[in-house]
Amino acid sequence: ATGSGDLFLHALGTINDWWIPPNQIVRVSTNNILAFDASVGYDVQLSGGLLTLMFSGEGFFLSQLEGPGRVITQSLDHDALKHLYKKRSRRKQQDIPSMPPS
């Protein structure tokens, strides 16, 4: 967005407001980025080697952000929230005692 006025963002978890100094590079999960200044360089890269992709629990890609500029991120993305709900739902179903046959 450009211009002046209020801007509303929908986010999950904690909202983090970062300032990246000039020429500093930060790698962030792509799903956690909410906004960044036009001055911030942006690139998407593979998150690592084959073992990292298979066992880290992260996605296949990370966003590389290069300062200077402001970056706003969220601590929880939609996929992580869906996974959390499914996990809790399964746990609750296991806690429900089964009815004895009549």
Protein backbone atom coordinates (compact mmCIF):
# COMPACT_ATOMS: atom_id res chain seq x y z
CA ALA A 1 0.00 0.00 0.00
CA THR A 2 1.12 3.53 -0.59
CA GLY A 3 -0.16 6.89 0.57
CA SER A 4 -1.20 8.20 3.93
CA GLY A 5 -3.84 6.97 6.36
CA ASP A 6 -4.57 3.90 8.41
CA LEU A 7 -3.68 0.40 7.27
CA PHE A 8 -5.18 -2.69 8.86
CA LEU A 9 -3.46 -6.08 8.73
CA HIS A 10 -4.87 -9.47 9.70
CA ALA A 11 -2.31 -11.51 11.60
CA LEU A 12 -2.00 -14.56 13.84
CA GLY A 13 0.09 -14.82 16.97
CA THR A 14 2.42 -12.01 17.92
CA ILE A 15 3.10 -9.12 15.53
CA ASN A 16 6.80 -8.23 15.38
CA ASP A 17 7.98 -4.88 14.04
CA TRP A 18 11.62 -5.04 12.92
CA TRP A 19 14.13 -2.54 11.61
CA ILE A 20 16.80 -4.10 9.41
CA PRO A 21 19.99 -2.05 9.14
CA PRO A 22 21.55 -1.35 5.72
CA ASN A 23 23.06 -4.42 4.02
CA GLN A 24 21.95 -6.80 6.80
CA ILE A 25 20.22 -9.97 5.54
CA VAL A 26 17.46 -11.72 7.47
CA ARG A 27 15.80 -15.01 6.46
CA VAL A 28 12.16 -15.45 7.42
CA SER A 29 9.52 -18.08 6.72
CA THR A 30 7.58 -16.74 3.75
CA ASN A 31 4.20 -17.33 5.44
CA ASN A 32 5.14 -15.11 8.38
CA ILE A 33 5.74 -11.87 6.44
CA LEU A 34 2.98 -9.27 6.72
CA ALA A 35 4.59 -6.16 5.23
CA PHE A 36 7.90 -4.48 4.49
CA ASP A 37 9.17 -1.12 3.24
CA ALA A 38 9.86 -0.63 -0.45
CA SER A 39 13.52 -0.07 0.50
CA VAL A 40 13.83 -3.69 1.73
CA GLY A 41 15.27 -6.12 -0.79
CA TYR A 42 13.21 -9.31 -1.19
CA ASP A 43 14.08 -12.72 -2.58
CA VAL A 44 12.77 -16.27 -2.09
CA GLN A 45 15.26 -19.13 -1.73
CA LEU A 46 15.31 -22.83 -0.91
CA SER A 47 15.47 -23.30 2.84
CA GLY A 48 18.39 -25.72 2.77
CA GLY A 49 19.61 -29.10 1.68
CA LEU A 50 17.61 -32.30 1.33
CA LEU A 51 17.96 -33.29 5.01
CA THR A 52 16.81 -29.86 6.15
CA LEU A 53 13.79 -30.06 3.86
CA MET A 54 12.85 -33.53 5.12
CA PHE A 55 13.38 -33.16 8.87
CA SER A 56 13.20 -29.50 9.87
CA GLY A 57 9.43 -29.11 9.82
CA GLU A 58 9.86 -25.86 7.91
CA GLY A 59 8.68 -25.20 4.39
CA PHE A 60 10.71 -25.57 1.24
CA PHE A 61 11.32 -21.84 0.89
CA LEU A 62 12.51 -18.93 3.01
CA SER A 63 12.27 -15.26 2.20
CA GLN A 64 15.50 -13.31 2.27
CA LEU A 65 15.05 -9.68 3.29
CA GLU A 66 17.88 -7.16 2.99
CA GLY A 67 17.86 -3.81 4.77
CA PRO A 68 17.53 -0.99 5.24
CA GLY A 69 13.92 -0.82 6.20
CA ARG A 70 11.00 -1.86 8.32
CA VAL A 71 9.60 -5.40 8.27
CA ILE A 72 6.43 -6.58 10.02
CA THR A 73 6.00 -10.30 10.69
CA GLN A 74 3.54 -12.59 12.46
CA SER A 75 4.63 -15.40 14.76
CA LEU A 76 2.00 -17.91 13.56
CA ASP A 77 0.86 -18.55 10.00
CA HIS A 78 -2.45 -20.02 8.79
CA ASP A 79 -0.99 -23.48 8.09
CA ALA A 80 0.49 -23.69 11.59
CA LEU A 81 -2.86 -22.66 13.08
CA LYS A 82 -4.72 -25.34 11.10
CA HIS A 83 -2.20 -27.95 12.26
CA LEU A 84 -2.61 -26.84 15.88
CA TYR A 85 -6.42 -27.10 15.69
CA LYS A 86 -6.26 -30.56 14.10
CA LYS A 87 -3.82 -31.76 16.76
CA ARG A 88 -6.01 -30.48 19.62
CA SER A 89 -9.14 -31.89 18.01
CA ARG A 90 -7.57 -35.36 17.77
CA ARG A 91 -6.44 -35.14 21.40
CA LYS A 92 -9.96 -34.21 22.58
CA GLN A 93 -11.47 -37.11 20.63
CA GLN A 94 -9.07 -39.51 22.35
CA ASP A 95 -10.11 -38.16 25.77
CA ILE A 96 -13.81 -38.94 25.20
CA PRO A 97 -14.66 -42.28 26.82
CA SER A 98 -16.31 -44.76 24.52
CA MET A 99 -19.88 -45.77 25.24
CA PRO A 100 -20.39 -49.35 26.35
CA PRO A 101 -22.46 -51.43 23.94
CA SER A 102 -26.14 -51.70 24.92
